[in-house]
Amino acid sequence: MADEVLHVLLTRVPSSSPALLPNFHRLSIKGRVYPAILAKENKTVSGKVLKGLTDAELEMLDTFEDERYIRKSVEISLVDKSEKLLAEAYVWSNVDDPDLYGEWDFEEWKRLHINDYITKTKNFMERIGGA
């Protein structure tokens, strides 16, 4: 998740470390600008692990990600160390979703969609009474 989006949701950007999620794949979703991740052997998702989240912040992320995602325990590797850690990731709930395809690109998303996505995230926060 982009730092700018985290800031809207949590009113802060938690510390993080670059991380790899082995045996998962990040896919595009037809008609959506955000991605899905699903288990997929011999694939790896690069991203970051957030540190020091409070229970309230986790609850906010759960609400934002909604029922289309399931928060699951996964094993990640930190990029700057060979250390493996248990973390939680939001995994797409429908493994047979016909709308999933290809590979989702964070940099392309940031270039094309971040401003609209931040606006939509602010609207979400207003709807739930969080802003």
C-alpha atoms as a PDB file:
ATOM      1  CA  MET A   1       0.000   0.000   0.000  1.00  0.00           C
ATOM      2  CA  ALA A   2       1.286   3.453  -0.879  1.00  0.00           C
ATOM      3  CA  ASP A   3       2.451   5.638   2.003  1.00  0.00           C
ATOM      4  CA  GLU A   4       0.029   8.358   0.894  1.00  0.00           C
ATOM      5  CA  VAL A   5      -2.919   5.959   1.235  1.00  0.00           C
ATOM      6  CA  LEU A   6      -1.689   4.689   4.605  1.00  0.00           C
ATOM      7  CA  HIS A   7      -1.523   8.281   5.830  1.00  0.00           C
ATOM      8  CA  VAL A   8      -5.169   8.883   4.880  1.00  0.00           C
ATOM      9  CA  LEU A   9      -6.300   5.658   6.575  1.00  0.00           C
ATOM     10  CA  LEU A  10      -4.147   5.752   9.715  1.00  0.00           C
ATOM     11  CA  THR A  11      -3.224   9.472   9.972  1.00  0.00           C
ATOM     12  CA  ARG A  12       0.401   8.340  10.023  1.00  0.00           C
ATOM     13  CA  VAL A  13       2.789   6.226   7.991  1.00  0.00           C
ATOM     14  CA  PRO A  14       4.035   3.308  10.105  1.00  0.00           C
ATOM     15  CA  SER A  15       7.665   2.296   9.846  1.00  0.00           C
ATOM     16  CA  SER A  16       8.251  -0.446   7.312  1.00  0.00           C
ATOM     17  CA  SER A  17      10.895  -2.639   5.724  1.00  0.00           C
ATOM     18  CA  PRO A  18      11.089  -3.902   2.136  1.00  0.00           C
ATOM     19  CA  ALA A  19       9.962  -7.518   2.050  1.00  0.00           C
ATOM     20  CA  LEU A  20       9.337 -10.433  -0.285  1.00  0.00           C
ATOM     21  CA  LEU A  21       6.358 -12.773  -0.149  1.00  0.00           C
ATOM     22  CA  PRO A  22       7.402 -16.039  -1.819  1.00  0.00           C
ATOM     23  CA  ASN A  23       4.954 -18.338  -3.568  1.00  0.00           C
ATOM     24  CA  PHE A  24       2.398 -15.575  -4.108  1.00  0.00           C
ATOM     25  CA  HIS A  25       1.474 -13.616  -7.226  1.00  0.00           C
ATOM     26  CA  ARG A  26       0.106 -10.047  -7.493  1.00  0.00           C
ATOM     27  CA  LEU A  27      -2.560  -9.823 -10.180  1.00  0.00           C
ATOM     28  CA  SER A  28      -4.595  -7.120 -11.854  1.00  0.00           C
ATOM     29  CA  ILE A  29      -8.370  -7.174 -11.413  1.00  0.00           C
ATOM     30  CA  LYS A  30     -10.572  -6.379 -14.408  1.00  0.00           C
ATOM     31  CA  GLY A  31     -12.284  -3.017 -13.895  1.00  0.00           C
ATOM     32  CA  ARG A  32     -10.300  -2.154 -10.743  1.00  0.00           C
ATOM     33  CA  VAL A  33      -7.099  -0.183 -10.147  1.00  0.00           C
ATOM     34  CA  TYR A  34      -5.989  -2.099  -7.046  1.00  0.00           C
ATOM     35  CA  PRO A  35      -4.418  -5.586  -7.044  1.00  0.00           C
ATOM     36  CA  ALA A  36      -5.129  -9.012  -5.651  1.00  0.00           C
ATOM     37  CA  ILE A  37      -2.583 -11.488  -4.345  1.00  0.00           C
ATOM     38  CA  LEU A  38      -3.020 -15.234  -4.463  1.00  0.00           C
ATOM     39  CA  ALA A  39      -0.811 -18.191  -3.649  1.00  0.00           C
ATOM     40  CA  LYS A  40       1.192 -19.216  -6.720  1.00  0.00           C
ATOM     41  CA  GLU A  41       4.197 -21.497  -6.636  1.00  0.00           C
ATOM     42  CA  ASN A  42       7.470 -20.077  -8.010  1.00  0.00           C
ATOM     43  CA  LYS A  43       6.213 -16.470  -7.943  1.00  0.00           C
ATOM     44  CA  THR A  44       7.191 -13.718  -5.496  1.00  0.00           C
ATOM     45  CA  VAL A  45       5.465 -10.493  -4.504  1.00  0.00           C
ATOM     46  CA  SER A  46       7.710  -7.606  -3.511  1.00  0.00           C
ATOM     47  CA  GLY A  47       6.372  -5.008  -1.123  1.00  0.00           C
ATOM     48  CA  LYS A  48       6.856  -3.907   2.453  1.00  0.00           C
ATOM     49  CA  VAL A  49       6.026  -5.129   5.915  1.00  0.00           C
ATOM     50  CA  LEU A  50       4.471  -2.542   8.222  1.00  0.00           C
ATOM     51  CA  LYS A  51       5.739  -2.414  11.787  1.00  0.00           C
ATOM     52  CA  GLY A  52       4.151  -1.295  15.034  1.00  0.00           C
ATOM     53  CA  LEU A  53       0.520  -1.293  13.926  1.00  0.00           C
ATOM     54  CA  THR A  54      -1.990  -0.866  16.732  1.00  0.00           C
ATOM     55  CA  ASP A  55      -5.115  -3.013  17.042  1.00  0.00           C
ATOM     56  CA  ALA A  56      -7.205  -0.008  15.947  1.00  0.00           C
ATOM     57  CA  GLU A  57      -5.016   0.464  12.866  1.00  0.00           C
ATOM     58  CA  LEU A  58      -5.337  -3.214  11.946  1.00  0.00           C
ATOM     59  CA  GLU A  59      -9.096  -2.914  12.343  1.00  0.00           C
ATOM     60  CA  MET A  60      -9.083   0.106  10.012  1.00  0.00           C
ATOM     61  CA  LEU A  61      -7.086  -1.813   7.396  1.00  0.00           C
ATOM     62  CA  ASP A  62      -9.488  -4.760   7.737  1.00  0.00           C
ATOM     63  CA  THR A  63     -12.434  -2.417   7.141  1.00  0.00           C
ATOM     64  CA  PHE A  64     -10.743  -0.804   4.151  1.00  0.00           C
ATOM     65  CA  GLU A  65      -9.806  -4.106   2.534  1.00  0.00           C
ATOM     66  CA  ASP A  66     -13.336  -5.486   3.174  1.00  0.00           C
ATOM     67  CA  GLU A  67     -14.684  -8.988   2.540  1.00  0.00           C
ATOM     68  CA  ARG A  68     -12.953  -9.407  -0.814  1.00  0.00           C
ATOM     69  CA  TYR A  69      -9.720  -9.971   1.093  1.00  0.00           C
ATOM     70  CA  ILE A  70      -8.812 -12.366   3.884  1.00  0.00           C
ATOM     71  CA  ARG A  71      -6.044 -11.380   6.293  1.00  0.00           C
ATOM     72  CA  LYS A  72      -3.775 -14.440   6.463  1.00  0.00           C
ATOM     73  CA  SER A  73      -0.544 -15.291   8.247  1.00  0.00           C
ATOM     74  CA  VAL A  74       2.275 -15.675   5.738  1.00  0.00           C
ATOM     75  CA  GLU A  75       6.033 -16.146   5.856  1.00  0.00           C
ATOM     76  CA  ILE A  76       8.006 -13.251   4.377  1.00  0.00           C
ATOM     77  CA  SER A  77      11.681 -12.482   3.865  1.00  0.00           C
ATOM     78  CA  LEU A  78      13.133  -9.066   4.582  1.00  0.00           C
ATOM     79  CA  VAL A  79      14.967  -7.744   1.521  1.00  0.00           C
ATOM     80  CA  ASP A  80      17.964  -6.400   3.456  1.00  0.00           C
ATOM     81  CA  LYS A  81      18.386  -9.579   5.526  1.00  0.00           C
ATOM     82  CA  SER A  82      17.932 -13.270   4.944  1.00  0.00           C
ATOM     83  CA  GLU A  83      15.678 -13.290   8.001  1.00  0.00           C
ATOM     84  CA  LYS A  84      12.243 -14.860   7.604  1.00  0.00           C
ATOM     85  CA  LEU A  85       9.307 -13.532   9.582  1.00  0.00           C
ATOM     86  CA  LEU A  86       5.651 -14.293  10.069  1.00  0.00           C
ATOM     87  CA  ALA A  87       3.471 -11.428   8.894  1.00  0.00           C
ATOM     88  CA  GLU A  88      -0.090 -10.925   7.778  1.00  0.00           C
ATOM     89  CA  ALA A  89      -1.165 -10.207   4.217  1.00  0.00           C
ATOM     90  CA  TYR A  90      -4.497  -9.441   2.611  1.00  0.00           C
ATOM     91  CA  VAL A  91      -5.120 -12.308   0.190  1.00  0.00           C
ATOM     92  CA  TRP A  92      -7.905 -12.190  -2.413  1.00  0.00           C
ATOM     93  CA  SER A  93     -10.777 -14.327  -1.140  1.00  0.00           C
ATOM     94  CA  ASN A  94     -11.945 -15.745  -4.494  1.00  0.00           C
ATOM     95  CA  VAL A  95      -9.195 -17.976  -5.886  1.00  0.00           C
ATOM     96  CA  ASP A  96     -11.347 -18.753  -8.953  1.00  0.00           C
ATOM     97  CA  ASP A  97     -12.178 -15.130  -9.782  1.00  0.00           C
ATOM     98  CA  PRO A  98     -12.352 -14.863 -13.598  1.00  0.00           C
ATOM     99  CA  ASP A  99     -11.549 -11.126 -13.376  1.00  0.00           C
ATOM    100  CA  LEU A 100      -7.957 -11.737 -12.224  1.00  0.00           C
ATOM    101  CA  TYR A 101      -5.274 -11.509 -14.873  1.00  0.00           C
ATOM    102  CA  GLY A 102      -1.654 -10.673 -15.660  1.00  0.00           C
ATOM    103  CA  GLU A 103       0.645  -8.871 -13.302  1.00  0.00           C
ATOM    104  CA  TRP A 104      -0.180  -5.673 -11.393  1.00  0.00           C
ATOM    105  CA  ASP A 105       2.505  -2.958 -11.461  1.00  0.00           C
ATOM    106  CA  PHE A 106       2.800  -0.617  -8.446  1.00  0.00           C
ATOM    107  CA  GLU A 107       4.825   2.059 -10.265  1.00  0.00           C
ATOM    108  CA  GLU A 108       2.343   2.192 -13.139  1.00  0.00           C
ATOM    109  CA  TRP A 109      -0.530   2.412 -10.639  1.00  0.00           C
ATOM    110  CA  LYS A 110       1.220   5.238  -8.827  1.00  0.00           C
ATOM    111  CA  ARG A 111       1.813   7.136 -12.055  1.00  0.00           C
ATOM    112  CA  LEU A 112      -1.741   6.709 -13.379  1.00  0.00           C
ATOM    113  CA  HIS A 113      -4.079   6.327 -10.412  1.00  0.00           C
ATOM    114  CA  ILE A 114      -2.694   7.488  -7.068  1.00  0.00           C
ATOM    115  CA  ASN A 115      -4.369  10.907  -6.999  1.00  0.00           C
ATOM    116  CA  ASP A 116      -7.833   9.489  -7.733  1.00  0.00           C
ATOM    117  CA  TYR A 117      -7.220   6.647  -5.290  1.00  0.00           C
ATOM    118  CA  ILE A 118      -6.293   9.056  -2.498  1.00  0.00           C
ATOM    119  CA  THR A 119      -9.509  10.990  -3.170  1.00  0.00           C
ATOM    120  CA  LYS A 120     -11.536   7.749  -3.057  1.00  0.00           C
ATOM    121  CA  THR A 121      -9.773   6.758   0.175  1.00  0.00           C
ATOM    122  CA  LYS A 122     -10.629  10.139   1.738  1.00  0.00           C
ATOM    123  CA  ASN A 123     -14.258   9.636   0.657  1.00  0.00           C
ATOM    124  CA  PHE A 124     -14.200   6.168   2.243  1.00  0.00           C
ATOM    125  CA  MET A 125     -12.947   7.662   5.511  1.00  0.00           C
ATOM    126  CA  GLU A 126     -15.725  10.276   5.467  1.00  0.00           C
ATOM    127  CA  ARG A 127     -18.363   7.570   4.839  1.00  0.00           C
ATOM    128  CA  ILE A 128     -17.239   5.492   7.817  1.00  0.00           C
ATOM    129  CA  GLY A 129     -16.814   8.533  10.050  1.00  0.00           C
ATOM    130  CA  GLY A 130     -13.051   8.212  10.280  1.00  0.00           C
ATOM    131  CA  ALA A 131     -12.117  11.594   8.854  1.00  0.00           C
END
